[in-house]
Amino acid sequence: MDAASARIIAATAYHIGQTVTAEAQGLGDINPVFGTTVANGRAITPLAPVHGRARREANGDIHLNWVRRSRLDLGWVDGVDQLMVEDREAYHVRLLADDNILRDWTIFENALHISADDYAGLGVQSGSELRFSVQQIGRFTQSAPLVFGLA
């Protein structure tokens, strides 16, 4: 391969979800070979949070917490957070009752406190299945959701 003929495709030349077509032609080839792929943005998409936990306190308050993950993996070290690759730590959190979105928040730490009064104001029907969806907000896009229920 002639290194001078290779070209890096700038990330600004396409967007996530777009089909990208490339062609390559060998020195002895008469015609180029074409290939296509969908730019899914895995290298710039934050990893989904893990270990989601929701618990209701005796006074009715709800506490949520989870563990963020980083696209930069320098190996596991006990008791040490992974380096933050994004510009800031931020999450999009949704409260779902029976698969209907009741409320969403944008927060800047890996925990959320919902007071009993705030929860009562949401009008959740008794017996509804409650779930929470948490997505890390990255520089370019959001992670896949971590979905967990109220214990």
N, C-alpha and C. Protein backbone atom coordinates (compact mmCIF):
# COMPACT_ATOMS: atom_id res chain seq x y z
N MET A 1 0.84 -1.17 0.00
CA MET A 1 0.00 0.00 0.00
C MET A 1 0.89 1.24 0.00
N ASP A 2 0.53 2.16 -0.83
CA ASP A 2 1.27 3.42 -0.90
C ASP A 2 0.68 4.36 0.16
N ALA A 3 1.43 4.62 1.21
CA ALA A 3 0.93 5.45 2.32
C ALA A 3 0.48 6.83 1.85
N ALA A 4 1.10 7.36 0.84
CA ALA A 4 0.73 8.69 0.35
C ALA A 4 -0.66 8.71 -0.28
N SER A 5 -1.14 7.54 -0.71
CA SER A 5 -2.46 7.50 -1.34
C SER A 5 -3.58 7.24 -0.34
N ALA A 6 -3.24 6.87 0.90
CA ALA A 6 -4.26 6.63 1.93
C ALA A 6 -4.75 7.95 2.50
N ARG A 7 -5.98 7.96 2.94
CA ARG A 7 -6.56 9.20 3.45
C ARG A 7 -7.43 8.88 4.66
N ILE A 8 -7.29 9.67 5.70
CA ILE A 8 -8.15 9.55 6.87
C ILE A 8 -9.40 10.37 6.60
N ILE A 9 -10.55 9.77 6.84
CA ILE A 9 -11.81 10.47 6.62
C ILE A 9 -12.14 11.25 7.89
N ALA A 10 -12.25 12.54 7.77
CA ALA A 10 -12.54 13.40 8.93
C ALA A 10 -13.93 13.09 9.47
N ALA A 11 -14.04 13.09 10.79
CA ALA A 11 -15.34 12.81 11.42
C ALA A 11 -16.39 13.85 11.03
N THR A 12 -15.97 15.01 10.60
CA THR A 12 -16.93 16.04 10.20
C THR A 12 -17.46 15.81 8.79
N ALA A 13 -16.93 14.81 8.08
CA ALA A 13 -17.37 14.54 6.72
C ALA A 13 -18.65 13.70 6.67
N TYR A 14 -19.09 13.19 7.80
CA TYR A 14 -20.30 12.36 7.85
C TYR A 14 -20.91 12.50 9.25
N HIS A 15 -22.12 11.98 9.42
CA HIS A 15 -22.76 12.03 10.73
C HIS A 15 -23.22 10.62 11.12
N ILE A 16 -23.49 10.44 12.40
CA ILE A 16 -23.91 9.15 12.91
C ILE A 16 -25.19 8.73 12.20
N GLY A 17 -25.21 7.50 11.76
CA GLY A 17 -26.36 6.96 11.05
C GLY A 17 -26.24 7.05 9.53
N GLN A 18 -25.29 7.81 9.06
CA GLN A 18 -25.10 7.98 7.62
C GLN A 18 -24.34 6.78 7.05
N THR A 19 -24.69 6.39 5.83
CA THR A 19 -23.95 5.36 5.13
C THR A 19 -22.72 6.00 4.49
N VAL A 20 -21.56 5.41 4.77
CA VAL A 20 -20.30 5.92 4.24
C VAL A 20 -19.79 4.91 3.21
N THR A 21 -19.42 5.40 2.05
CA THR A 21 -18.89 4.55 0.98
C THR A 21 -17.42 4.91 0.76
N ALA A 22 -16.60 3.89 0.65
CA ALA A 22 -15.17 4.11 0.38
C ALA A 22 -14.77 3.22 -0.80
N GLU A 23 -13.76 3.66 -1.48
CA GLU A 23 -13.26 2.85 -2.59
C GLU A 23 -11.75 2.69 -2.43
N ALA A 24 -11.28 1.54 -2.88
CA ALA A 24 -9.84 1.25 -2.84
C ALA A 24 -9.46 0.64 -4.18
N GLN A 25 -8.30 1.03 -4.63
CA GLN A 25 -7.82 0.50 -5.91
C GLN A 25 -6.36 0.11 -5.75
N GLY A 26 -6.10 -1.17 -5.96
CA GLY A 26 -4.74 -1.67 -5.88
C GLY A 26 -3.92 -1.20 -7.07
N LEU A 27 -2.61 -1.25 -6.92
CA LEU A 27 -1.72 -0.78 -7.98
C LEU A 27 -1.95 -1.53 -9.30
N GLY A 28 -2.27 -2.81 -9.24
CA GLY A 28 -2.49 -3.58 -10.45
C GLY A 28 -3.94 -3.72 -10.84
N ASP A 29 -4.85 -3.11 -10.07
CA ASP A 29 -6.28 -3.25 -10.36
C ASP A 29 -6.72 -2.28 -11.45
N ILE A 30 -7.62 -2.76 -12.29
CA ILE A 30 -8.19 -1.90 -13.33
C ILE A 30 -9.27 -1.01 -12.75
N ASN A 31 -10.12 -1.60 -11.89
CA ASN A 31 -11.23 -0.86 -11.30
C ASN A 31 -11.13 -0.88 -9.77
N PRO A 32 -11.64 0.16 -9.12
CA PRO A 32 -11.62 0.18 -7.64
C PRO A 32 -12.67 -0.77 -7.07
N VAL A 33 -12.46 -1.15 -5.85
CA VAL A 33 -13.43 -1.95 -5.09
C VAL A 33 -14.13 -0.99 -4.14
N PHE A 34 -15.47 -1.08 -4.07
CA PHE A 34 -16.26 -0.20 -3.22
C PHE A 34 -16.73 -0.96 -1.98
N GLY A 35 -16.79 -0.27 -0.89
CA GLY A 35 -17.32 -0.84 0.34
C GLY A 35 -18.17 0.21 1.04
N THR A 36 -19.20 -0.24 1.72
CA THR A 36 -20.06 0.69 2.46
C THR A 36 -20.24 0.20 3.89
N THR A 37 -20.48 1.13 4.77
CA THR A 37 -20.78 0.83 6.16
C THR A 37 -21.62 1.97 6.72
N VAL A 38 -22.31 1.70 7.78
CA VAL A 38 -23.07 2.75 8.46
C VAL A 38 -22.21 3.28 9.59
N ALA A 39 -22.05 4.58 9.65
CA ALA A 39 -21.27 5.22 10.72
C ALA A 39 -22.11 5.19 11.99
N ASN A 40 -21.82 4.25 12.88
CA ASN A 40 -22.63 4.13 14.10
C ASN A 40 -22.06 4.91 15.27
N GLY A 41 -20.90 5.50 15.13
CA GLY A 41 -20.36 6.39 16.16
C GLY A 41 -19.91 5.72 17.43
N ARG A 42 -19.56 4.44 17.37
CA ARG A 42 -19.16 3.75 18.60
C ARG A 42 -17.96 4.39 19.28
N ALA A 43 -17.05 4.94 18.54
CA ALA A 43 -15.85 5.52 19.14
C ALA A 43 -16.14 6.83 19.89
N ILE A 44 -17.25 7.49 19.56
CA ILE A 44 -17.58 8.76 20.22
C ILE A 44 -18.82 8.67 21.10
N THR A 45 -19.42 7.48 21.18
CA THR A 45 -20.62 7.30 21.99
C THR A 45 -20.22 6.85 23.39
N PRO A 46 -20.68 7.54 24.43
CA PRO A 46 -20.36 7.11 25.79
C PRO A 46 -20.93 5.71 26.06
N LEU A 47 -20.28 4.98 26.92
CA LEU A 47 -20.79 3.68 27.34
C LEU A 47 -21.97 3.87 28.27
N ALA A 48 -22.90 2.95 28.24
CA ALA A 48 -24.07 3.03 29.13
C ALA A 48 -23.61 2.88 30.58
N PRO A 49 -24.24 3.63 31.50
CA PRO A 49 -23.95 3.43 32.92
C PRO A 49 -24.31 1.99 33.33
N VAL A 50 -23.81 1.56 34.47
CA VAL A 50 -24.09 0.22 34.99
C VAL A 50 -24.44 0.29 36.47
N HIS A 51 -24.88 -0.83 37.01
CA HIS A 51 -25.17 -1.00 38.44
C HIS A 51 -26.19 0.02 38.95
N GLY A 52 -27.27 0.21 38.19
CA GLY A 52 -28.31 1.14 38.62
C GLY A 52 -29.06 0.61 39.83
N ARG A 53 -29.36 1.50 40.73
CA ARG A 53 -30.07 1.12 41.95
C ARG A 53 -31.05 2.23 42.32
N ALA A 54 -32.28 1.84 42.60
CA ALA A 54 -33.30 2.78 43.07
C ALA A 54 -33.88 2.22 44.36
N ARG A 55 -33.96 3.06 45.38
CA ARG A 55 -34.54 2.60 46.64
C ARG A 55 -35.42 3.69 47.22
N ARG A 56 -36.50 3.26 47.86
CA ARG A 56 -37.44 4.19 48.50
C ARG A 56 -37.16 4.19 50.00
N GLU A 57 -37.01 5.38 50.54
CA GLU A 57 -36.77 5.53 51.98
C GLU A 57 -38.11 5.42 52.74
N ALA A 58 -38.04 5.27 54.04
CA ALA A 58 -39.24 5.15 54.87
C ALA A 58 -40.14 6.38 54.75
N ASN A 59 -39.55 7.57 54.51
CA ASN A 59 -40.34 8.79 54.39
C ASN A 59 -40.91 9.00 52.98
N GLY A 60 -40.65 8.05 52.06
CA GLY A 60 -41.18 8.14 50.70
C GLY A 60 -40.22 8.73 49.68
N ASP A 61 -39.09 9.29 50.12
CA ASP A 61 -38.09 9.79 49.18
C ASP A 61 -37.52 8.63 48.36
N ILE A 62 -37.10 8.93 47.15
CA ILE A 62 -36.48 7.93 46.28
C ILE A 62 -35.06 8.37 45.96
N HIS A 63 -34.12 7.45 46.12
CA HIS A 63 -32.72 7.71 45.81
C HIS A 63 -32.29 6.80 44.66
N LEU A 64 -31.67 7.39 43.65
CA LEU A 64 -31.12 6.64 42.52
C LEU A 64 -29.62 6.83 42.50
N ASN A 65 -28.90 5.79 42.11
CA ASN A 65 -27.48 5.94 41.84
C ASN A 65 -27.04 4.87 40.85
N TRP A 66 -25.92 5.11 40.20
CA TRP A 66 -25.38 4.22 39.18
C TRP A 66 -23.90 4.50 39.05
N VAL A 67 -23.22 3.69 38.26
CA VAL A 67 -21.78 3.83 38.04
C VAL A 67 -21.56 4.21 36.59
N ARG A 68 -20.82 5.27 36.37
CA ARG A 68 -20.51 5.68 35.00
C ARG A 68 -19.36 4.84 34.47
N ARG A 69 -19.29 4.74 33.16
CA ARG A 69 -18.17 4.07 32.52
C ARG A 69 -17.52 5.04 31.55
N SER A 70 -16.28 4.77 31.23
CA SER A 70 -15.52 5.65 30.35
C SER A 70 -15.14 4.90 29.08
N ARG A 71 -15.11 5.62 27.97
CA ARG A 71 -14.63 5.03 26.71
C ARG A 71 -13.13 4.78 26.77
N LEU A 72 -12.43 5.45 27.65
CA LEU A 72 -11.00 5.27 27.83
C LEU A 72 -10.79 4.25 28.95
N ASP A 73 -10.34 3.06 28.60
CA ASP A 73 -10.17 2.00 29.58
C ASP A 73 -8.69 1.75 29.81
N LEU A 74 -8.22 2.17 30.97
CA LEU A 74 -6.82 1.97 31.33
C LEU A 74 -6.63 0.77 32.24
N GLY A 75 -7.65 -0.08 32.30
CA GLY A 75 -7.59 -1.27 33.15
C GLY A 75 -8.28 -1.02 34.48
N TRP A 76 -8.58 -2.09 35.16
CA TRP A 76 -9.33 -2.01 36.42
C TRP A 76 -8.38 -1.75 37.57
N VAL A 77 -8.70 -0.72 38.36
CA VAL A 77 -7.96 -0.43 39.59
C VAL A 77 -9.00 -0.25 40.68
N ASP A 78 -8.96 -1.10 41.69
CA ASP A 78 -9.95 -1.03 42.77
C ASP A 78 -9.95 0.34 43.44
N GLY A 79 -11.15 0.88 43.64
CA GLY A 79 -11.30 2.12 44.39
C GLY A 79 -10.95 3.38 43.63
N VAL A 80 -10.71 3.27 42.31
CA VAL A 80 -10.32 4.43 41.52
C VAL A 80 -11.30 4.57 40.34
N ASP A 81 -11.87 5.76 40.17
CA ASP A 81 -12.75 6.00 39.03
C ASP A 81 -11.96 6.02 37.74
N GLN A 82 -12.63 5.60 36.67
CA GLN A 82 -12.03 5.73 35.34
C GLN A 82 -11.94 7.21 35.00
N LEU A 83 -10.98 7.57 34.16
CA LEU A 83 -10.84 8.95 33.73
C LEU A 83 -12.07 9.38 32.94
N MET A 84 -12.48 10.61 33.09
CA MET A 84 -13.61 11.16 32.35
C MET A 84 -13.13 11.53 30.96
N VAL A 85 -13.77 10.99 29.94
CA VAL A 85 -13.41 11.30 28.56
C VAL A 85 -14.27 12.45 28.03
N GLU A 86 -15.48 12.56 28.55
CA GLU A 86 -16.39 13.60 28.09
C GLU A 86 -15.99 14.95 28.70
N ASP A 87 -16.54 16.04 28.15
CA ASP A 87 -16.22 17.38 28.65
C ASP A 87 -16.68 17.58 30.09
N ARG A 88 -17.75 16.89 30.45
CA ARG A 88 -18.29 16.99 31.81
C ARG A 88 -19.10 15.75 32.09
N GLU A 89 -19.36 15.49 33.34
CA GLU A 89 -20.21 14.37 33.72
C GLU A 89 -21.65 14.86 33.68
N ALA A 90 -22.48 14.22 32.86
CA ALA A 90 -23.87 14.63 32.73
C ALA A 90 -24.71 13.42 32.32
N TYR A 91 -25.98 13.43 32.78
CA TYR A 91 -26.87 12.30 32.53
C TYR A 91 -28.28 12.81 32.20
N HIS A 92 -28.96 12.03 31.37
CA HIS A 92 -30.37 12.25 31.10
C HIS A 92 -31.11 11.12 31.79
N VAL A 93 -31.95 11.47 32.77
CA VAL A 93 -32.66 10.48 33.58
C VAL A 93 -34.15 10.62 33.31
N ARG A 94 -34.81 9.50 33.07
CA ARG A 94 -36.26 9.50 32.86
C ARG A 94 -36.92 8.60 33.90
N LEU A 95 -38.09 9.04 34.37
CA LEU A 95 -38.94 8.21 35.22
C LEU A 95 -40.08 7.72 34.34
N LEU A 96 -40.24 6.40 34.26
CA LEU A 96 -41.31 5.80 33.46
C LEU A 96 -42.26 5.04 34.37
N ALA A 97 -43.53 5.22 34.14
CA ALA A 97 -44.57 4.45 34.83
C ALA A 97 -45.36 3.72 33.76
N ASP A 98 -45.32 2.39 33.79
CA ASP A 98 -45.99 1.59 32.77
C ASP A 98 -45.58 2.03 31.37
N ASP A 99 -44.29 2.26 31.17
CA ASP A 99 -43.68 2.64 29.88
C ASP A 99 -44.05 4.03 29.39
N ASN A 100 -44.68 4.85 30.22
CA ASN A 100 -44.97 6.24 29.88
C ASN A 100 -44.00 7.14 30.63
N ILE A 101 -43.39 8.08 29.91
CA ILE A 101 -42.45 9.00 30.54
C ILE A 101 -43.22 10.01 31.37
N LEU A 102 -42.95 10.03 32.67
CA LEU A 102 -43.61 10.98 33.57
C LEU A 102 -42.78 12.23 33.79
N ARG A 103 -41.46 12.06 33.79
CA ARG A 103 -40.59 13.19 34.10
C ARG A 103 -39.20 12.87 33.60
N ASP A 104 -38.47 13.89 33.21
CA ASP A 104 -37.05 13.68 32.91
C ASP A 104 -36.23 14.81 33.50
N TRP A 105 -34.97 14.47 33.75
CA TRP A 105 -34.03 15.39 34.37
C TRP A 105 -32.71 15.35 33.60
N THR A 106 -31.99 16.44 33.62
CA THR A 106 -30.59 16.46 33.21
C THR A 106 -29.81 16.79 34.47
N ILE A 107 -28.91 15.89 34.86
CA ILE A 107 -28.17 16.08 36.11
C ILE A 107 -26.68 15.90 35.84
N PHE A 108 -25.87 16.34 36.81
CA PHE A 108 -24.43 16.40 36.61
C PHE A 108 -23.65 15.60 37.64
N GLU A 109 -24.26 14.56 38.16
CA GLU A 109 -23.59 13.60 39.04
C GLU A 109 -24.29 12.26 38.87
N ASN A 110 -23.71 11.20 39.40
CA ASN A 110 -24.26 9.87 39.17
C ASN A 110 -25.26 9.44 40.25
N ALA A 111 -26.12 10.37 40.64
CA ALA A 111 -27.15 10.09 41.63
C ALA A 111 -28.27 11.11 41.47
N LEU A 112 -29.47 10.71 41.88
CA LEU A 112 -30.63 11.60 41.84
C LEU A 112 -31.48 11.34 43.06
N HIS A 113 -31.93 12.39 43.70
CA HIS A 113 -32.82 12.31 44.86
C HIS A 113 -34.17 12.91 44.45
N ILE A 114 -35.24 12.14 44.64
CA ILE A 114 -36.60 12.61 44.37
C ILE A 114 -37.33 12.64 45.70
N SER A 115 -37.71 13.82 46.15
CA SER A 115 -38.38 13.90 47.44
C SER A 115 -39.78 13.30 47.35
N ALA A 116 -40.31 12.88 48.48
CA ALA A 116 -41.66 12.30 48.52
C ALA A 116 -42.69 13.29 47.99
N ASP A 117 -42.51 14.58 48.30
CA ASP A 117 -43.44 15.60 47.82
C ASP A 117 -43.39 15.74 46.30
N ASP A 118 -42.17 15.77 45.74
CA ASP A 118 -42.03 15.84 44.28
C ASP A 118 -42.63 14.61 43.61
N TYR A 119 -42.40 13.45 44.19
CA TYR A 119 -42.93 12.22 43.63
C TYR A 119 -44.46 12.22 43.67
N ALA A 120 -45.03 12.67 44.79
CA ALA A 120 -46.49 12.73 44.91
C ALA A 120 -47.09 13.66 43.85
N GLY A 121 -46.38 14.73 43.51
CA GLY A 121 -46.85 15.68 42.52
C GLY A 121 -46.86 15.14 41.09
N LEU A 122 -46.22 14.00 40.87
CA LEU A 122 -46.18 13.42 39.53
C LEU A 122 -47.44 12.66 39.18
N GLY A 123 -48.25 12.35 40.18
CA GLY A 123 -49.52 11.66 39.92
C GLY A 123 -49.38 10.23 39.47
N VAL A 124 -48.39 9.52 40.01
CA VAL A 124 -48.20 8.12 39.65
C VAL A 124 -49.36 7.29 40.19
N GLN A 125 -49.96 6.51 39.31
CA GLN A 125 -51.08 5.65 39.72
C GLN A 125 -50.58 4.51 40.60
N SER A 126 -51.35 4.17 41.61
CA SER A 126 -51.00 3.06 42.49
C SER A 126 -50.91 1.77 41.67
N GLY A 127 -49.90 0.98 41.90
CA GLY A 127 -49.72 -0.27 41.19
C GLY A 127 -48.97 -0.14 39.88
N SER A 128 -48.57 1.07 39.52
CA SER A 128 -47.82 1.26 38.27
C SER A 128 -46.43 0.64 38.40
N GLU A 129 -45.94 0.10 37.29
CA GLU A 129 -44.57 -0.42 37.26
C GLU A 129 -43.63 0.76 37.01
N LEU A 130 -42.79 1.06 37.99
CA LEU A 130 -41.85 2.18 37.88
C LEU A 130 -40.50 1.69 37.40
N ARG A 131 -39.96 2.42 36.43
CA ARG A 131 -38.61 2.14 35.95
C ARG A 131 -37.91 3.47 35.71
N PHE A 132 -36.61 3.42 35.75
CA PHE A 132 -35.78 4.59 35.49
C PHE A 132 -34.86 4.27 34.33
N SER A 133 -34.64 5.25 33.48
CA SER A 133 -33.73 5.13 32.35
C SER A 133 -32.66 6.19 32.51
N VAL A 134 -31.40 5.77 32.45
CA VAL A 134 -30.27 6.70 32.63
C VAL A 134 -29.35 6.59 31.41
N GLN A 135 -29.07 7.73 30.78
CA GLN A 135 -28.14 7.78 29.66
C GLN A 135 -27.06 8.80 29.97
N GLN A 136 -25.81 8.43 29.75
CA GLN A 136 -24.73 9.40 29.90
C GLN A 136 -24.74 10.32 28.69
N ILE A 137 -24.61 11.62 28.93
CA ILE A 137 -24.59 12.60 27.85
C ILE A 137 -23.12 12.86 27.49
N GLY A 138 -22.80 12.57 26.25
CA GLY A 138 -21.44 12.78 25.78
C GLY A 138 -21.32 14.05 24.97
N ARG A 139 -20.15 14.30 24.48
CA ARG A 139 -19.88 15.49 23.68
C ARG A 139 -20.68 15.47 22.38
N PHE A 140 -20.86 14.29 21.79
CA PHE A 140 -21.51 14.18 20.49
C PHE A 140 -22.87 13.51 20.53
N THR A 141 -23.09 12.61 21.48
CA THR A 141 -24.33 11.85 21.53
C THR A 141 -24.52 11.28 22.94
N GLN A 142 -25.61 10.55 23.15
CA GLN A 142 -25.89 9.94 24.44
C GLN A 142 -25.64 8.44 24.36
N SER A 143 -25.38 7.85 25.52
CA SER A 143 -25.15 6.41 25.61
C SER A 143 -26.48 5.67 25.42
N ALA A 144 -26.37 4.37 25.29
CA ALA A 144 -27.55 3.52 25.37
C ALA A 144 -28.09 3.65 26.80
N PRO A 145 -29.38 3.41 27.00
CA PRO A 145 -29.92 3.58 28.35
C PRO A 145 -29.63 2.41 29.28
N LEU A 146 -29.43 2.72 30.53
CA LEU A 146 -29.45 1.75 31.61
C LEU A 146 -30.86 1.86 32.18
N VAL A 147 -31.61 0.77 32.19
CA VAL A 147 -32.98 0.78 32.69
C VAL A 147 -33.06 -0.13 33.91
N PHE A 148 -33.63 0.39 34.99
CA PHE A 148 -33.76 -0.39 36.21
C PHE A 148 -35.01 0.04 36.97
N GLY A 149 -35.49 -0.84 37.83
CA GLY A 149 -36.73 -0.58 38.56
C GLY A 149 -36.48 -0.17 40.00
N LEU A 150 -37.56 0.12 40.65
CA LEU A 150 -37.52 0.52 42.06
C LEU A 150 -37.55 -0.72 42.92
N ALA A 151 -36.55 -0.88 43.77
CA ALA A 151 -36.46 -2.07 44.63
C ALA A 151 -37.40 -1.96 45.81
